[in-house]
Amino acid sequence: MHLTKLYYLPNSKKLQFGLWYSKREYQPNPSEKIPDRIFQVTIRDKNGQLYDQDTIVKAEGLFDEFQRRSISIDLDNQESIELTISLIEQNGTTVTPMESTTINVPLDKIKK
């Protein structure tokens, strides 16, 4: 799985980025409870507040899939954010991370 550069839209207070991955390695599987979105993205700010409500737009290629993600977050007065990407399983409305990676992102690394 790959993560694109992060972009912040200060007027709408949205963080936008993309995930792309091999369809052969990651794909929805109802019998294994892998949902269509496959990954959950969570952002934690310096106050410990979590942001995980994102909008997803998907584009499928022959071998890869791309997801554009957009999360509402106010980055004013923040020095960095903690971004966690988790491969998930979902049972009803319960989402459980199976594997996770967390990245500390300084705000000067986010494009405006």
C-alpha atoms as a PDB file:
ATOM      1  CA  MET A   1       0.000   0.000   0.000  1.00  0.00           C
ATOM      2  CA  HIS A   2       1.272   3.472  -0.888  1.00  0.00           C
ATOM      3  CA  LEU A   3       0.362   6.890   0.485  1.00  0.00           C
ATOM      4  CA  THR A   4       0.421  10.025  -1.673  1.00  0.00           C
ATOM      5  CA  LYS A   5       1.487  13.464  -0.467  1.00  0.00           C
ATOM      6  CA  LEU A   6      -0.920  15.095   1.983  1.00  0.00           C
ATOM      7  CA  TYR A   7      -2.736  18.274   0.953  1.00  0.00           C
ATOM      8  CA  TYR A   8      -4.604  20.626   3.299  1.00  0.00           C
ATOM      9  CA  LEU A   9      -7.374  22.915   2.080  1.00  0.00           C
ATOM     10  CA  PRO A  10      -7.467  25.661   4.745  1.00  0.00           C
ATOM     11  CA  ASN A  11     -10.725  27.267   3.543  1.00  0.00           C
ATOM     12  CA  SER A  12     -12.711  24.030   3.777  1.00  0.00           C
ATOM     13  CA  LYS A  13     -10.546  22.574   6.602  1.00  0.00           C
ATOM     14  CA  LYS A  14     -10.018  19.272   4.780  1.00  0.00           C
ATOM     15  CA  LEU A  15      -6.979  17.041   4.574  1.00  0.00           C
ATOM     16  CA  GLN A  16      -6.786  15.174   1.273  1.00  0.00           C
ATOM     17  CA  PHE A  17      -4.527  12.341   0.173  1.00  0.00           C
ATOM     18  CA  GLY A  18      -4.590   9.086  -1.728  1.00  0.00           C
ATOM     19  CA  LEU A  19      -3.953   5.419  -1.050  1.00  0.00           C
ATOM     20  CA  TRP A  20      -3.116   3.004  -3.824  1.00  0.00           C
ATOM     21  CA  TYR A  21      -2.541  -0.685  -3.575  1.00  0.00           C
ATOM     22  CA  SER A  22      -2.398  -3.931  -5.501  1.00  0.00           C
ATOM     23  CA  LYS A  23      -5.813  -5.494  -6.041  1.00  0.00           C
ATOM     24  CA  ARG A  24      -4.119  -8.886  -5.850  1.00  0.00           C
ATOM     25  CA  GLU A  25      -2.833  -8.214  -2.306  1.00  0.00           C
ATOM     26  CA  TYR A  26      -5.771  -6.253  -0.896  1.00  0.00           C
ATOM     27  CA  GLN A  27      -9.358  -6.858  -1.885  1.00  0.00           C
ATOM     28  CA  PRO A  28     -12.765  -6.906  -0.242  1.00  0.00           C
ATOM     29  CA  ASN A  29     -13.748 -10.351   1.005  1.00  0.00           C
ATOM     30  CA  PRO A  30     -17.136 -10.779   2.718  1.00  0.00           C
ATOM     31  CA  SER A  31     -16.271 -14.272   4.005  1.00  0.00           C
ATOM     32  CA  GLU A  32     -13.211 -12.832   5.816  1.00  0.00           C
ATOM     33  CA  LYS A  33     -15.171  -9.678   6.787  1.00  0.00           C
ATOM     34  CA  ILE A  34     -12.895  -7.368   4.753  1.00  0.00           C
ATOM     35  CA  PRO A  35     -15.140  -4.415   3.759  1.00  0.00           C
ATOM     36  CA  ASP A  36     -15.115  -2.604   0.425  1.00  0.00           C
ATOM     37  CA  ARG A  37     -13.062   0.320   1.785  1.00  0.00           C
ATOM     38  CA  ILE A  38     -10.360  -2.137   3.034  1.00  0.00           C
ATOM     39  CA  PHE A  39      -8.449   0.505   5.052  1.00  0.00           C
ATOM     40  CA  GLN A  40      -9.452   2.815   7.879  1.00  0.00           C
ATOM     41  CA  VAL A  41      -7.553   6.070   8.290  1.00  0.00           C
ATOM     42  CA  THR A  42      -7.476   7.831  11.662  1.00  0.00           C
ATOM     43  CA  ILE A  43      -5.863  11.157  12.508  1.00  0.00           C
ATOM     44  CA  ARG A  44      -4.967  12.197  16.057  1.00  0.00           C
ATOM     45  CA  ASP A  45      -4.162  15.852  16.770  1.00  0.00           C
ATOM     46  CA  LYS A  46      -1.930  17.226  19.545  1.00  0.00           C
ATOM     47  CA  ASN A  47      -4.918  17.338  21.929  1.00  0.00           C
ATOM     48  CA  GLY A  48      -5.607  13.639  21.382  1.00  0.00           C
ATOM     49  CA  GLN A  49      -8.804  14.209  19.388  1.00  0.00           C
ATOM     50  CA  LEU A  50      -9.456  11.509  16.772  1.00  0.00           C
ATOM     51  CA  TYR A  51     -10.721  12.188  13.258  1.00  0.00           C
ATOM     52  CA  ASP A  52     -11.850   9.151  11.288  1.00  0.00           C
ATOM     53  CA  GLN A  53     -14.860  10.257   9.255  1.00  0.00           C
ATOM     54  CA  ASP A  54     -13.583  10.332   5.715  1.00  0.00           C
ATOM     55  CA  THR A  55     -14.988  10.551   2.227  1.00  0.00           C
ATOM     56  CA  ILE A  56     -13.690   7.936  -0.193  1.00  0.00           C
ATOM     57  CA  VAL A  57     -13.597   8.111  -3.995  1.00  0.00           C
ATOM     58  CA  LYS A  58     -12.270   4.964  -5.670  1.00  0.00           C
ATOM     59  CA  ALA A  59     -10.714   4.403  -9.093  1.00  0.00           C
ATOM     60  CA  GLU A  60      -9.919   0.878 -10.261  1.00  0.00           C
ATOM     61  CA  GLY A  61      -7.212  -0.100 -12.685  1.00  0.00           C
ATOM     62  CA  LEU A  62      -6.421  -3.518 -14.074  1.00  0.00           C
ATOM     63  CA  PHE A  63      -3.951  -4.397 -11.310  1.00  0.00           C
ATOM     64  CA  ASP A  64      -4.190  -1.550  -8.796  1.00  0.00           C
ATOM     65  CA  GLU A  65      -6.837   0.452  -7.008  1.00  0.00           C
ATOM     66  CA  PHE A  66      -6.648   4.082  -5.898  1.00  0.00           C
ATOM     67  CA  GLN A  67      -8.693   5.676  -3.123  1.00  0.00           C
ATOM     68  CA  ARG A  68      -8.815   9.443  -2.724  1.00  0.00           C
ATOM     69  CA  ARG A  69      -9.521  10.276   0.923  1.00  0.00           C
ATOM     70  CA  SER A  70     -10.780  13.532   2.420  1.00  0.00           C
ATOM     71  CA  ILE A  71     -11.008  14.109   6.199  1.00  0.00           C
ATOM     72  CA  SER A  72     -12.421  17.238   7.864  1.00  0.00           C
ATOM     73  CA  ILE A  73      -9.892  18.567  10.384  1.00  0.00           C
ATOM     74  CA  ASP A  74      -8.794  22.012  11.563  1.00  0.00           C
ATOM     75  CA  LEU A  75      -4.990  22.148  11.472  1.00  0.00           C
ATOM     76  CA  ASP A  76      -4.738  25.660  12.941  1.00  0.00           C
ATOM     77  CA  ASN A  77      -2.521  25.661  16.046  1.00  0.00           C
ATOM     78  CA  GLN A  78      -1.206  22.167  15.281  1.00  0.00           C
ATOM     79  CA  GLU A  79       2.482  21.355  14.890  1.00  0.00           C
ATOM     80  CA  SER A  80       2.017  17.775  13.696  1.00  0.00           C
ATOM     81  CA  ILE A  81      -0.593  15.074  13.352  1.00  0.00           C
ATOM     82  CA  GLU A  82      -0.485  11.330  13.858  1.00  0.00           C
ATOM     83  CA  LEU A  83      -1.855   9.408  10.873  1.00  0.00           C
ATOM     84  CA  THR A  84      -2.814   5.745  11.361  1.00  0.00           C
ATOM     85  CA  ILE A  85      -3.705   3.490   8.436  1.00  0.00           C
ATOM     86  CA  SER A  86      -5.262   0.149   9.354  1.00  0.00           C
ATOM     87  CA  LEU A  87      -6.212  -2.903   7.327  1.00  0.00           C
ATOM     88  CA  ILE A  88      -9.626  -3.672   8.805  1.00  0.00           C
ATOM     89  CA  GLU A  89     -12.304  -6.277   9.176  1.00  0.00           C
ATOM     90  CA  GLN A  90     -15.899  -5.284   9.750  1.00  0.00           C
ATOM     91  CA  ASN A  91     -18.653  -7.227  11.491  1.00  0.00           C
ATOM     92  CA  GLY A  92     -21.878  -5.237  11.240  1.00  0.00           C
ATOM     93  CA  THR A  93     -20.927  -1.747  12.398  1.00  0.00           C
ATOM     94  CA  THR A  94     -17.918  -2.933  14.423  1.00  0.00           C
ATOM     95  CA  VAL A  95     -14.585  -2.190  12.737  1.00  0.00           C
ATOM     96  CA  THR A  96     -11.498  -4.014  14.000  1.00  0.00           C
ATOM     97  CA  PRO A  97      -7.938  -3.149  12.860  1.00  0.00           C
ATOM     98  CA  MET A  98      -5.969  -6.251  11.812  1.00  0.00           C
ATOM     99  CA  GLU A  99      -2.699  -4.480  10.930  1.00  0.00           C
ATOM    100  CA  SER A 100      -1.828  -0.814  11.514  1.00  0.00           C
ATOM    101  CA  THR A 101       0.905   1.657  10.676  1.00  0.00           C
ATOM    102  CA  THR A 102       1.208   5.039  12.403  1.00  0.00           C
ATOM    103  CA  ILE A 103       3.118   7.988  10.962  1.00  0.00           C
ATOM    104  CA  ASN A 104       3.896  11.261  12.730  1.00  0.00           C
ATOM    105  CA  VAL A 105       3.480  14.020  10.121  1.00  0.00           C
ATOM    106  CA  PRO A 106       4.912  17.500  10.819  1.00  0.00           C
ATOM    107  CA  LEU A 107       2.649  20.184   9.338  1.00  0.00           C
ATOM    108  CA  ASP A 108       5.484  21.585   7.218  1.00  0.00           C
ATOM    109  CA  LYS A 109       5.325  18.305   5.224  1.00  0.00           C
ATOM    110  CA  ILE A 110       1.670  18.929   4.281  1.00  0.00           C
ATOM    111  CA  LYS A 111       1.062  20.891   1.069  1.00  0.00           C
ATOM    112  CA  LYS A 112      -1.347  23.846   1.142  1.00  0.00           C
END
